[in-house]
């Protein structure tokens, strides 16, 4: 038998060295968050885990363990039959469960008895999460961030994409959060990740970056939709060098109508989102905007939202939170198109190289 354990801290720099990362928890636990690249081989499935837990509380632990062992043995046999028969002797799996105990231990025992070199995470997912949160803080403080600022609709995300196309390092928090970080920012049909999953995504992105090269990131607030940006990452961003992306108002309106085309096509949903602003802008103002939407005057509503709501709030936030914003280099694309953003990105990177 060949089963060895590894601490979560020791694991982090070695994570990509395993052939398969196996999450032995239930489907719901896996869906909430899991190690990057892992596959789900439940030792106890959702309903089975609930049933064993109920038996543990209502009868006694010994009876629960007997029934749990029988179910686990059956499920592990299924995983072996489906997923292991084609694996060579050299296959090196990493296993974990919630705390690195019975579920991943049972699976690891069987795999080790077969003859595979199995590694199990001490403390399981719980220890891994603690380790990546500490490592995220370390990585955030080590990075040379360049914060792309700019009022709503100025094309910050488009510039980040252009910088990626040009080979720059980019931390796209809105993509990781599946949210555009505004009242209208929810992506239709795409739920946001859990907080834990978002934290893991941020760490997984940061760990792959070179701290010797700039990392471009958008000037986000502490929350992107329903998920919070790690605290020390926010601190590092707010102390970093800023870039100010400026786009004329007409282009900003066109850009937003393109990026939020769902609301252009579904005006009822647009009006429902506008209701969120009633407490801030007042019912009369929001009703007036909804009236313009009904008349097909979406451009006018977007212009009003920019000048009356988004711009004042954004500029106050920048002055209050981003210390180097007053010294920001101004970037002015000729328009909102990807070609124009590519031009800005190339000029920016060439200037950095110079």
Protein backbone atom coordinates (compact mmCIF):
# COMPACT_ATOMS: atom_id res chain seq x y z
CA UNK A 1 0.00 0.00 0.00
CA UNK A 2 1.25 3.48 -0.87
CA UNK A 3 -0.72 6.32 0.76
CA UNK A 4 1.03 9.42 1.98
CA UNK A 5 -0.34 12.64 3.43
CA UNK A 6 0.57 16.24 2.63
CA UNK A 7 -0.30 19.46 4.43
CA UNK A 8 -2.32 22.05 2.56
CA UNK A 9 0.52 24.56 2.76
CA UNK A 10 2.99 22.04 1.32
CA UNK A 11 0.49 21.19 -1.41
CA UNK A 12 -0.01 24.64 -2.93
CA UNK A 13 3.20 24.81 -5.01
CA UNK A 14 2.81 21.13 -5.98
CA UNK A 15 -0.87 21.19 -6.95
CA UNK A 16 -0.33 20.89 -10.70
CA UNK A 17 1.92 17.85 -10.30
CA UNK A 18 -0.82 15.27 -9.76
CA UNK A 19 -2.46 13.27 -12.53
CA UNK A 20 -5.94 13.52 -11.02
CA UNK A 21 -7.31 15.53 -8.08
CA UNK A 22 -10.23 13.63 -6.55
CA UNK A 23 -12.87 15.30 -4.40
CA UNK A 24 -14.53 12.53 -2.35
CA UNK A 25 -17.23 14.80 -0.91
CA UNK A 26 -20.89 14.87 -1.94
CA UNK A 27 -22.13 16.57 -5.10
CA UNK A 28 -23.46 19.61 -3.22
CA UNK A 29 -20.20 20.15 -1.35
CA UNK A 30 -18.28 19.91 -4.62
CA UNK A 31 -20.64 22.37 -6.33
CA UNK A 32 -20.12 24.95 -3.58
CA UNK A 33 -16.35 24.93 -4.17
CA UNK A 34 -13.54 22.52 -4.95
CA UNK A 35 -9.84 22.43 -5.74
CA UNK A 36 -9.00 23.74 -9.24
CA UNK A 37 -9.19 20.97 -11.81
CA UNK A 38 -10.60 18.40 -9.41
CA UNK A 39 -13.15 15.71 -10.29
CA UNK A 40 -15.99 14.61 -8.02
CA UNK A 41 -16.01 10.97 -6.89
CA UNK A 42 -18.50 11.02 -3.98
CA UNK A 43 -17.88 8.42 -1.31
CA UNK A 44 -21.33 9.32 0.01
CA UNK A 45 -23.76 11.06 -2.32
CA UNK A 46 -26.06 13.88 -1.17
CA UNK A 47 -28.99 11.79 0.04
CA UNK A 48 -26.70 9.08 1.43
CA UNK A 49 -24.69 11.57 3.45
CA UNK A 50 -27.90 13.03 4.87
CA UNK A 51 -29.23 9.58 5.78
CA UNK A 52 -26.01 8.55 7.54
CA UNK A 53 -25.94 11.86 9.41
CA UNK A 54 -29.51 11.36 10.57
CA UNK A 55 -28.67 7.84 11.76
CA UNK A 56 -25.65 9.22 13.63
CA UNK A 57 -27.81 11.70 15.54
CA UNK A 58 -30.99 9.67 16.05
CA UNK A 59 -29.57 6.18 16.70
CA UNK A 60 -25.83 6.10 17.45
CA UNK A 61 -22.46 6.64 15.76
CA UNK A 62 -21.65 2.93 15.54
CA UNK A 63 -24.78 2.11 13.50
CA UNK A 64 -24.13 5.16 11.31
CA UNK A 65 -20.57 4.04 10.61
CA UNK A 66 -21.70 0.55 9.64
CA UNK A 67 -24.26 1.82 7.16
CA UNK A 68 -21.87 4.51 5.92
CA UNK A 69 -19.15 1.94 5.33
CA UNK A 70 -21.47 -0.26 3.27
CA UNK A 71 -22.58 2.67 1.10
CA UNK A 72 -19.01 3.97 0.72
CA UNK A 73 -17.73 0.54 -0.32
CA UNK A 74 -20.41 0.31 -3.00
CA UNK A 75 -19.68 3.81 -4.33
CA UNK A 76 -15.91 3.34 -4.30
CA UNK A 77 -16.34 0.10 -6.26
CA UNK A 78 -18.29 2.04 -8.85
CA UNK A 79 -15.56 4.67 -9.14
CA UNK A 80 -12.91 1.96 -9.55
CA UNK A 81 -14.95 0.26 -12.28
CA UNK A 82 -15.77 3.44 -14.18
CA UNK A 83 -12.67 5.58 -13.73
CA UNK A 84 -9.66 3.55 -12.63
CA UNK A 85 -9.48 0.46 -14.85
CA UNK A 86 -7.65 2.34 -17.61
CA UNK A 87 -5.12 3.98 -15.28
CA UNK A 88 -1.46 2.83 -15.51
CA UNK A 89 0.56 1.86 -12.44
CA UNK A 90 2.30 5.28 -12.60
CA UNK A 91 -0.97 7.21 -12.14
CA UNK A 92 -0.65 9.59 -9.16
CA UNK A 93 -3.93 10.79 -7.65
CA UNK A 94 -4.49 13.38 -4.92
CA UNK A 95 -7.57 12.86 -2.73
CA UNK A 96 -9.44 14.97 -0.23
CA UNK A 97 -12.79 15.32 1.53
CA UNK A 98 -14.09 17.89 4.03
CA UNK A 99 -11.44 17.31 6.73
CA UNK A 100 -9.27 14.60 5.19
CA UNK A 101 -10.92 11.88 7.23
CA UNK A 102 -13.07 8.87 6.52
CA UNK A 103 -14.40 9.60 3.02
CA UNK A 104 -11.12 10.37 1.27
CA UNK A 105 -9.32 7.99 3.62
CA UNK A 106 -11.51 5.07 2.53
CA UNK A 107 -10.99 5.84 -1.15
CA UNK A 108 -7.26 6.33 -0.68
CA UNK A 109 -6.96 3.02 1.19
CA UNK A 110 -8.49 1.09 -1.71
CA UNK A 111 -6.43 2.91 -4.35
CA UNK A 112 -3.29 2.34 -2.29
CA UNK A 113 -4.06 -1.35 -1.90
CA UNK A 114 -4.32 -1.61 -5.69
CA UNK A 115 -0.78 -0.29 -5.91
CA UNK A 116 -1.17 3.37 -6.84
CA UNK A 117 0.85 6.11 -5.12
CA UNK A 118 -1.91 8.10 -3.45
CA UNK A 119 -1.54 11.44 -1.68
CA UNK A 120 -4.21 12.68 0.74
CA UNK A 121 -4.57 16.26 1.99
CA UNK A 122 -4.24 16.56 5.78
CA UNK A 123 -7.29 18.45 7.01
CA UNK A 124 -9.00 18.13 3.63
CA UNK A 125 -10.80 20.97 1.87
CA UNK A 126 -11.09 22.96 5.11
CA UNK A 127 -7.31 23.11 5.46
CA UNK A 128 -6.89 23.86 1.75
CA UNK A 129 -9.22 26.85 1.99
CA UNK A 130 -7.34 28.27 4.97
CA UNK A 131 -4.08 27.85 3.07
CA UNK A 132 -5.25 29.59 -0.10
CA UNK A 133 -6.74 32.52 1.82
CA UNK A 134 -3.36 33.08 3.48
CA UNK A 135 -1.58 32.63 0.17
CA UNK A 136 -3.93 35.06 -1.60
CA UNK A 137 -2.93 37.72 0.93
CA UNK A 138 0.75 37.00 0.27
CA UNK A 139 0.34 37.04 -3.51
CA UNK A 140 -1.73 40.24 -3.48
CA UNK A 141 0.97 42.08 -1.59
CA UNK A 142 3.66 40.79 -3.98
CA UNK A 143 1.95 41.90 -7.21
CA UNK A 144 2.64 45.10 -9.16
CA UNK A 145 -0.94 46.13 -9.93
CA UNK A 146 -2.00 48.64 -12.56
CA UNK A 147 -5.59 49.67 -11.82
CA UNK A 148 -7.70 50.53 -14.86
CA UNK A 149 -10.06 53.29 -13.74
CA UNK A 150 -12.77 55.05 -15.68
CA UNK A 151 -16.42 55.99 -15.40
CA UNK A 152 -19.13 53.48 -16.25
CA UNK A 153 -19.17 52.61 -19.95
CA UNK A 154 -15.65 53.84 -20.62
CA UNK A 155 -14.59 50.34 -21.71
CA UNK A 156 -12.51 49.13 -18.78
CA UNK A 157 -13.36 45.48 -19.36
CA UNK A 158 -12.77 45.86 -23.10
CA UNK A 159 -9.34 47.31 -22.37
CA UNK A 160 -8.54 44.39 -20.05
CA UNK A 161 -9.46 41.99 -22.85
CA UNK A 162 -7.27 43.96 -25.26
CA UNK A 163 -4.37 43.80 -22.80
CA UNK A 164 -4.84 40.03 -22.57
CA UNK A 165 -4.73 39.77 -26.36
CA UNK A 166 -1.45 41.69 -26.28
CA UNK A 167 0.06 39.26 -23.76
CA UNK A 168 -0.31 41.29 -20.57
CA UNK A 169 -1.19 39.77 -17.20
CA UNK A 170 -4.82 40.52 -16.32
CA UNK A 171 -6.88 39.81 -13.22
CA UNK A 172 -10.49 40.02 -14.46
CA UNK A 173 -12.48 40.00 -11.24
CA UNK A 174 -15.81 40.51 -12.99
CA UNK A 175 -15.25 37.44 -15.16
CA UNK A 176 -14.30 35.40 -12.08
CA UNK A 177 -17.40 36.67 -10.25
CA UNK A 178 -19.74 36.33 -13.27
CA UNK A 179 -21.01 39.85 -12.65
CA UNK A 180 -20.45 43.28 -14.20
CA UNK A 181 -20.40 44.98 -10.80
CA UNK A 182 -23.34 47.35 -11.18
CA UNK A 183 -27.09 47.53 -10.59
CA UNK A 184 -27.54 45.93 -14.03
CA UNK A 185 -24.48 43.72 -13.64
CA UNK A 186 -26.00 40.26 -13.14
CA UNK A 187 -25.34 38.08 -16.19
CA UNK A 188 -28.73 36.65 -17.28
CA UNK A 189 -28.88 32.88 -16.97
CA UNK A 190 -25.49 32.63 -15.27
CA UNK A 191 -25.48 32.43 -11.46
CA UNK A 192 -22.57 33.84 -9.53
CA UNK A 193 -20.17 31.42 -7.83
CA UNK A 194 -20.29 30.97 -4.09
CA UNK A 195 -17.98 33.16 -2.03
CA UNK A 196 -15.69 30.19 -1.46
CA UNK A 197 -15.57 29.35 -5.17
CA UNK A 198 -14.82 32.99 -6.05
CA UNK A 199 -11.98 33.04 -3.51
CA UNK A 200 -10.53 29.89 -5.05
CA UNK A 201 -10.79 31.33 -8.56
CA UNK A 202 -8.98 34.51 -7.48
CA UNK A 203 -6.17 32.51 -5.86
CA UNK A 204 -5.87 30.19 -8.84
CA UNK A 205 -5.46 33.19 -11.14
CA UNK A 206 -2.97 35.03 -8.92
CA UNK A 207 -0.75 31.98 -8.35
CA UNK A 208 -0.12 31.70 -12.09
CA UNK A 209 1.14 35.27 -12.43
CA UNK A 210 4.69 36.60 -12.50
CA UNK A 211 5.14 39.18 -9.71
CA UNK A 212 7.95 40.72 -11.75
CA UNK A 213 5.49 41.88 -14.42
CA UNK A 214 2.55 44.31 -14.04
CA UNK A 215 -0.90 42.88 -13.39
CA UNK A 216 -3.78 44.91 -14.84
CA UNK A 217 -7.04 44.93 -12.88
CA UNK A 218 -10.22 46.98 -12.95
CA UNK A 219 -11.03 49.47 -10.18
CA UNK A 220 -13.60 47.33 -8.41
CA UNK A 221 -15.39 48.03 -5.17
CA UNK A 222 -15.21 45.63 -2.24
CA UNK A 223 -18.04 43.54 -3.67
CA UNK A 224 -18.65 42.32 -7.20
CA UNK A 225 -22.33 41.48 -7.14
CA UNK A 226 -22.82 39.17 -4.16
CA UNK A 227 -19.20 38.13 -3.64
CA UNK A 228 -16.53 40.06 -1.75
CA UNK A 229 -13.02 40.67 -3.05
CA UNK A 230 -10.38 39.38 -0.58
CA UNK A 231 -9.52 42.18 1.84
CA UNK A 232 -5.76 42.40 1.28
CA UNK A 233 -6.28 42.28 -2.48
CA UNK A 234 -8.53 45.34 -2.21
CA UNK A 235 -5.90 47.05 -0.04
CA UNK A 236 -3.16 46.34 -2.60
CA UNK A 237 -5.32 47.57 -5.49
CA UNK A 238 -6.18 50.81 -3.71
CA UNK A 239 -2.51 51.57 -3.14
CA UNK A 240 -1.49 50.81 -6.72
CA UNK A 241 -0.74 52.94 -9.78
CA UNK A 242 -3.90 54.03 -11.60
CA UNK A 243 -4.79 54.50 -15.26
CA UNK A 244 -7.78 56.65 -16.22
CA UNK A 245 -9.70 55.44 -19.28
CA UNK A 246 -11.74 58.26 -20.85
CA UNK A 247 -14.38 57.77 -23.55
CA UNK A 248 -16.81 60.41 -24.83
CA UNK A 249 -20.41 60.15 -23.59
CA UNK A 250 -21.98 59.12 -26.89
CA UNK A 251 -19.55 56.22 -27.20
CA UNK A 252 -20.17 55.20 -23.59
CA UNK A 253 -23.91 55.02 -24.24
CA UNK A 254 -23.39 52.90 -27.36
CA UNK A 255 -20.98 50.62 -25.50
CA UNK A 256 -23.45 50.00 -22.69
CA UNK A 257 -26.30 49.29 -25.10
CA UNK A 258 -24.03 46.68 -26.73
CA UNK A 259 -22.78 45.12 -23.51
CA UNK A 260 -26.24 45.06 -21.92
CA UNK A 261 -28.13 43.98 -25.02
CA UNK A 262 -30.22 41.58 -22.91
CA UNK A 263 -31.93 44.59 -21.32
CA UNK A 264 -32.33 46.24 -24.72
CA UNK A 265 -34.21 43.13 -25.86
CA UNK A 266 -36.06 42.60 -22.57
CA UNK A 267 -37.18 46.05 -21.44
CA UNK A 268 -39.40 44.63 -18.67
CA UNK A 269 -36.30 43.20 -17.00
CA UNK A 270 -34.56 46.55 -17.47
CA UNK A 271 -37.40 48.36 -15.69
CA UNK A 272 -37.36 45.84 -12.85
CA UNK A 273 -33.67 46.55 -12.31
CA UNK A 274 -34.32 50.29 -12.36
CA UNK A 275 -36.66 49.82 -9.39
CA UNK A 276 -33.56 49.07 -7.28
CA UNK A 277 -32.60 52.74 -7.62
CA UNK A 278 -35.91 54.05 -6.23
CA UNK A 279 -34.52 54.46 -2.73
CA UNK A 280 -31.55 56.47 -4.04
CA UNK A 281 -33.02 58.51 -6.92
CA UNK A 282 -36.65 58.68 -5.90
CA UNK A 283 -39.81 57.16 -7.36
CA UNK A 284 -40.55 60.10 -9.66
CA UNK A 285 -37.14 59.89 -11.34
CA UNK A 286 -37.29 56.11 -11.74
CA UNK A 287 -40.85 56.28 -13.12
CA UNK A 288 -39.70 58.90 -15.63
CA UNK A 289 -36.90 56.59 -16.77
CA UNK A 290 -39.34 53.70 -17.11
CA UNK A 291 -41.60 55.92 -19.18
CA UNK A 292 -38.73 56.68 -21.56
CA UNK A 293 -37.96 52.96 -21.82
CA UNK A 294 -41.60 52.33 -22.80
CA UNK A 295 -41.20 54.97 -25.52
CA UNK A 296 -38.09 53.23 -26.87
CA UNK A 297 -35.76 55.97 -25.65
CA UNK A 298 -33.21 53.65 -24.06
CA UNK A 299 -30.27 55.79 -25.10
CA UNK A 300 -31.72 58.73 -23.18
CA UNK A 301 -32.20 56.59 -20.08
CA UNK A 302 -28.64 55.26 -20.27
CA UNK A 303 -27.32 58.83 -20.64
CA UNK A 304 -29.33 59.91 -17.59
CA UNK A 305 -28.08 56.93 -15.58
CA UNK A 306 -24.50 57.85 -16.41
CA UNK A 307 -24.69 61.54 -15.59
CA UNK A 308 -27.15 61.42 -12.68
CA UNK A 309 -26.20 58.18 -10.95
CA UNK A 310 -23.09 56.30 -12.01
CA UNK A 311 -20.61 59.12 -12.69
CA UNK A 312 -21.05 61.04 -9.39
CA UNK A 313 -20.94 57.83 -7.33
CA UNK A 314 -17.91 56.50 -9.20
CA UNK A 315 -15.85 59.69 -8.99
CA UNK A 316 -16.55 60.06 -5.27
CA UNK A 317 -15.47 56.47 -4.72
CA UNK A 318 -12.26 56.90 -6.70
CA UNK A 319 -11.26 60.06 -4.85
CA UNK A 320 -12.00 58.39 -1.51
CA UNK A 321 -10.44 54.98 -2.08
CA UNK A 322 -7.74 55.01 -4.78
CA UNK A 323 -4.90 57.14 -3.46
CA UNK A 324 -3.04 57.48 -6.77
CA UNK A 325 -6.08 58.25 -8.93
CA UNK A 326 -5.28 62.01 -9.11
CA UNK A 327 -1.92 61.12 -10.74
CA UNK A 328 -3.43 58.59 -13.15
CA UNK A 329 -2.22 58.54 -16.77
CA UNK A 330 -5.17 59.37 -19.04
CA UNK A 331 -5.94 56.85 -21.79
CA UNK A 332 -8.25 58.03 -24.59
CA UNK A 333 -9.34 55.46 -27.19
CA UNK A 334 -10.79 56.97 -30.35
CA UNK A 335 -13.97 54.91 -29.86
CA UNK A 336 -15.38 51.85 -28.11
CA UNK A 337 -14.30 49.24 -30.69
CA UNK A 338 -11.91 46.34 -29.98
CA UNK A 339 -9.52 47.79 -32.57
CA UNK A 340 -9.36 51.10 -30.68
CA UNK A 341 -8.83 49.29 -27.37
CA UNK A 342 -6.06 47.19 -28.94
CA UNK A 343 -4.33 50.40 -29.99
CA UNK A 344 -4.48 51.75 -26.43
CA UNK A 345 -3.25 48.44 -25.01
CA UNK A 346 -0.28 48.25 -27.38
CA UNK A 347 0.69 51.86 -26.70
CA UNK A 348 0.45 51.27 -22.97
CA UNK A 349 2.60 48.13 -23.05
CA UNK A 350 5.16 49.71 -25.38
CA UNK A 351 5.45 52.66 -23.03
CA UNK A 352 6.02 50.29 -20.12
CA UNK A 353 8.70 48.44 -22.07
CA UNK A 354 10.37 51.72 -22.89
